[in-house]
Structure formats: C-alpha cells, structure tokens
C-alpha atoms as a PDB file:
ATOM      1  CA  GLN A   1     153.896  21.000  52.127  1.00  0.00           C
ATOM      2  CA  VAL A   2     152.726  21.685  55.785  1.00  0.00           C
ATOM      3  CA  GLN A   3     150.061  24.957  56.705  1.00  0.00           C
ATOM      4  CA  LEU A   4     151.145  26.139  60.443  1.00  0.00           C
ATOM      5  CA  VAL A   5     148.727  28.947  61.619  1.00  0.00           C
ATOM      6  CA  GLU A   6     149.760  30.292  65.181  1.00  0.00           C
ATOM      7  CA  SER A   7     147.121  32.436  67.700  1.00  0.00           C
ATOM      8  CA  GLY A   8     147.010  33.540  71.013  1.00  0.00           C
ATOM      9  CA  GLY A   9     149.730  36.442  70.690  1.00  0.00           C
ATOM     10  CA  GLY A  10     148.770  40.065  71.868  1.00  0.00           C
ATOM     11  CA  LEU A  11     149.842  42.135  74.720  1.00  0.00           C
ATOM     12  CA  VAL A  12     150.402  40.635  78.439  1.00  0.00           C
ATOM     13  CA  GLN A  13     151.944  42.551  81.869  1.00  0.00           C
ATOM     14  CA  ALA A  14     154.756  40.652  83.924  1.00  0.00           C
ATOM     15  CA  GLY A  15     153.833  37.870  85.518  1.00  0.00           C
ATOM     16  CA  GLY A  16     150.506  36.958  83.543  1.00  0.00           C
ATOM     17  CA  SER A  17     149.432  33.812  81.518  1.00  0.00           C
ATOM     18  CA  LYS A  18     149.085  33.446  78.214  1.00  0.00           C
ATOM     19  CA  ARG A  19     148.640  30.559  75.481  1.00  0.00           C
ATOM     20  CA  LEU A  20     150.050  29.790  72.360  1.00  0.00           C
ATOM     21  CA  SER A  21     148.149  27.640  69.800  1.00  0.00           C
ATOM     22  CA  CYS A  22     149.409  26.587  66.115  1.00  0.00           C
ATOM     23  CA  ALA A  23     147.159  24.313  63.779  1.00  0.00           C
ATOM     24  CA  ALA A  24     148.800  22.408  61.553  1.00  0.00           C
ATOM     25  CA  SER A  25     147.906  21.279  57.888  1.00  0.00           C
ATOM     26  CA  GLY A  26     149.438  19.033  54.934  1.00  0.00           C
ATOM     27  CA  ARG A  27     151.273  16.703  56.179  1.00  0.00           C
ATOM     28  CA  VAL A  28     151.004  13.730  58.638  1.00  0.00           C
ATOM     29  CA  PHE A  29     151.211  15.705  62.312  1.00  0.00           C
ATOM     30  CA  SER A  30     151.567  13.171  64.486  1.00  0.00           C
ATOM     31  CA  ILE A  31     154.937  11.616  63.139  1.00  0.00           C
ATOM     32  CA  ALA A  32     156.537  15.396  63.067  1.00  0.00           C
ATOM     33  CA  THR A  33     158.517  16.752  66.180  1.00  0.00           C
ATOM     34  CA  MET A  34     156.480  20.449  66.890  1.00  0.00           C
ATOM     35  CA  GLY A  35     158.265  23.404  68.676  1.00  0.00           C
ATOM     36  CA  TRP A  36     158.168  26.842  69.561  1.00  0.00           C
ATOM     37  CA  TYR A  37     160.633  29.329  68.671  1.00  0.00           C
ATOM     38  CA  ARG A  38     160.699  32.828  69.225  1.00  0.00           C
ATOM     39  CA  ALA A  39     162.515  36.386  68.022  1.00  0.00           C
ATOM     40  CA  PRO A  40     162.906  38.681  70.330  1.00  0.00           C
ATOM     41  CA  PRO A  41     163.171  42.494  69.022  1.00  0.00           C
ATOM     42  CA  GLY A  42     166.581  42.749  66.884  1.00  0.00           C
ATOM     43  CA  LYS A  43     167.704  39.124  67.978  1.00  0.00           C
ATOM     44  CA  ARG A  44     168.479  36.149  66.110  1.00  0.00           C
ATOM     45  CA  ARG A  45     164.978  33.211  66.356  1.00  0.00           C
ATOM     46  CA  GLU A  46     166.504  31.001  69.683  1.00  0.00           C
ATOM     47  CA  LEU A  47     164.694  27.866  70.682  1.00  0.00           C
ATOM     48  CA  VAL A  48     162.074  27.870  72.803  1.00  0.00           C
ATOM     49  CA  ALA A  49     160.578  24.373  73.570  1.00  0.00           C
ATOM     50  CA  THR A  50     160.092  21.038  71.531  1.00  0.00           C
ATOM     51  CA  ILE A  51     158.038  18.276  71.319  1.00  0.00           C
ATOM     52  CA  THR A  52     158.454  14.939  69.556  1.00  0.00           C
ATOM     53  CA  SER A  53     156.058  12.164  67.858  1.00  0.00           C
ATOM     54  CA  GLY A  54     156.861  10.376  71.109  1.00  0.00           C
ATOM     55  CA  ASP A  55     156.175  13.521  73.147  1.00  0.00           C
ATOM     56  CA  SER A  56     159.698  13.867  75.029  1.00  0.00           C
ATOM     57  CA  THR A  57     160.262  17.632  75.247  1.00  0.00           C
ATOM     58  CA  ASN A  58     163.282  19.734  75.739  1.00  0.00           C
ATOM     59  CA  TYR A  59     163.010  23.486  76.771  1.00  0.00           C
ATOM     60  CA  ALA A  60     165.309  26.515  77.018  1.00  0.00           C
ATOM     61  CA  ASP A  61     166.784  26.809  79.993  1.00  0.00           C
ATOM     62  CA  SER A  62     165.549  30.453  79.885  1.00  0.00           C
ATOM     63  CA  VAL A  63     161.712  29.147  80.187  1.00  0.00           C
ATOM     64  CA  LYS A  64     162.465  25.884  82.249  1.00  0.00           C
ATOM     65  CA  GLY A  65     159.507  25.865  84.737  1.00  0.00           C
ATOM     66  CA  ARG A  66     157.280  28.725  83.394  1.00  0.00           C
ATOM     67  CA  PHE A  67     156.536  27.521  79.699  1.00  0.00           C
ATOM     68  CA  THR A  68     154.729  24.016  79.110  1.00  0.00           C
ATOM     69  CA  ILE A  69     154.510  22.811  75.287  1.00  0.00           C
ATOM     70  CA  SER A  70     152.109  20.151  74.619  1.00  0.00           C
ATOM     71  CA  ARG A  71     150.170  18.523  71.442  1.00  0.00           C
ATOM     72  CA  ASP A  72     146.765  17.324  70.570  1.00  0.00           C
ATOM     73  CA  ASN A  73     146.989  15.026  67.900  1.00  0.00           C
ATOM     74  CA  ALA A  74     143.567  14.602  67.003  1.00  0.00           C
ATOM     75  CA  LYS A  75     143.489  18.208  66.492  1.00  0.00           C
ATOM     76  CA  ASN A  76     147.030  18.359  64.830  1.00  0.00           C
ATOM     77  CA  THR A  77     147.836  21.585  67.028  1.00  0.00           C
ATOM     78  CA  VAL A  78     150.298  22.619  69.448  1.00  0.00           C
ATOM     79  CA  TYR A  79     150.335  24.552  72.614  1.00  0.00           C
ATOM     80  CA  LEU A  80     152.531  26.856  74.275  1.00  0.00           C
ATOM     81  CA  GLN A  81     151.371  27.834  77.693  1.00  0.00           C
ATOM     82  CA  MET A  82     153.176  30.584  78.984  1.00  0.00           C
ATOM     83  CA  ASN A  83     153.328  31.534  82.883  1.00  0.00           C
ATOM     84  CA  SER A  84     155.103  34.345  85.074  1.00  0.00           C
ATOM     85  CA  LEU A  85     155.583  35.887  81.470  1.00  0.00           C
ATOM     86  CA  LYS A  86     158.686  38.784  81.685  1.00  0.00           C
ATOM     87  CA  PRO A  87     159.756  41.410  79.984  1.00  0.00           C
ATOM     88  CA  GLU A  88     161.973  39.610  78.250  1.00  0.00           C
ATOM     89  CA  ASP A  89     159.873  37.133  76.900  1.00  0.00           C
ATOM     90  CA  THR A  90     158.831  39.718  74.154  1.00  0.00           C
ATOM     91  CA  ALA A  91     159.288  38.208  70.545  1.00  0.00           C
ATOM     92  CA  VAL A  92     158.168  36.725  67.465  1.00  0.00           C
ATOM     93  CA  TYR A  93     156.693  33.026  68.309  1.00  0.00           C
ATOM     94  CA  TYR A  94     156.697  30.988  65.899  1.00  0.00           C
ATOM     95  CA  CYS A  95     156.103  27.143  65.324  1.00  0.00           C
ATOM     96  CA  SER A  96     157.812  24.977  63.476  1.00  0.00           C
ATOM     97  CA  TRP A  97     157.015  21.253  61.603  1.00  0.00           C
ATOM     98  CA  SER A  98     160.042  19.640  61.547  1.00  0.00           C
ATOM     99  CA  ARG A  99     160.913  15.790  60.364  1.00  0.00           C
ATOM    100  CA  ALA A 100     164.025  13.657  58.854  1.00  0.00           C
ATOM    101  CA  ARG A 101     165.929  17.693  58.647  1.00  0.00           C
ATOM    102  CA  VAL A 102     162.848  19.109  56.869  1.00  0.00           C
ATOM    103  CA  TYR A 103     161.341  21.743  58.484  1.00  0.00           C
ATOM    104  CA  TYR A 104     158.243  24.233  58.045  1.00  0.00           C
ATOM    105  CA  TRP A 105     157.808  27.358  60.222  1.00  0.00           C
ATOM    106  CA  GLY A 106     154.420  29.302  60.557  1.00  0.00           C
ATOM    107  CA  GLN A 107     154.308  33.591  59.814  1.00  0.00           C
ATOM    108  CA  GLY A 108     154.670  33.695  63.559  1.00  0.00           C
ATOM    109  CA  THR A 109     152.712  35.677  66.096  1.00  0.00           C
ATOM    110  CA  GLN A 110     153.824  38.692  68.305  1.00  0.00           C
ATOM    111  CA  VAL A 111     153.818  38.213  72.415  1.00  0.00           C
ATOM    112  CA  THR A 112     154.639  41.542  74.442  1.00  0.00           C
ATOM    113  CA  VAL A 113     154.961  41.523  78.098  1.00  0.00           C
ATOM    114  CA  SER A 114     154.985  44.648  79.757  1.00  0.00           C
ATOM    115  CA  SER A 115     156.367  45.819  82.718  1.00  0.00           C
END
C-alpha cells in the first residue's frame, strides 16, 4: 500500500502561482513514477505531468512552460510548481504513484483560479 497526501491547494488569482506537494509513504518512493493529474469541474481526470525514477518528465500541452514537476527522494515528496495560472486550471489535483502498472492515488486538493 502507498499513502499519498496532497497539500498546497486553494484560491489564487489568474496570473498567480501555487506550489502543490504530495508526501508519500508505505512503499519505496524512489523507484516509482510520480504524477499529477487533475479533474476540472464536470470533466474526467486528465494528465498534468509525470516524473520517472530517472527524473524524466512529461507534461500535458496545456501546461508546458507554466508548470514544473519535481521530486525529492530524501523527503518522499513530489511537487508541482504552477505559474501563470489560468481560470481553466481550476480543478481537483491528484497525486499518483505508479510502478509496473500499479497505481495509487491521493485524495486530491482543490485549486481554484479566479479571473
């Protein structure tokens, strides 16, 4: 089992920044691919960004150049730095742990961007 706890959500004005954190426990963190996904209001969950155990990153086109995913294996934590936020970034953001097609999810944190 893996426990994931997200933090850092809240309300922010358009053009502002926010940093989400996800603390993991329960299984080895450094070997997993960590990711951030989001579910906009009334829509399905979608990929935001992932980072592999080798620090390779992947981003959704909609966030490239604005969001940065990073990880600190010593702290078992993955981060999502979000800059130049837009109202369409409003969503519940979920952290994920994955390895060998096994996924674990956090409970989600709400990010609301006001115009």
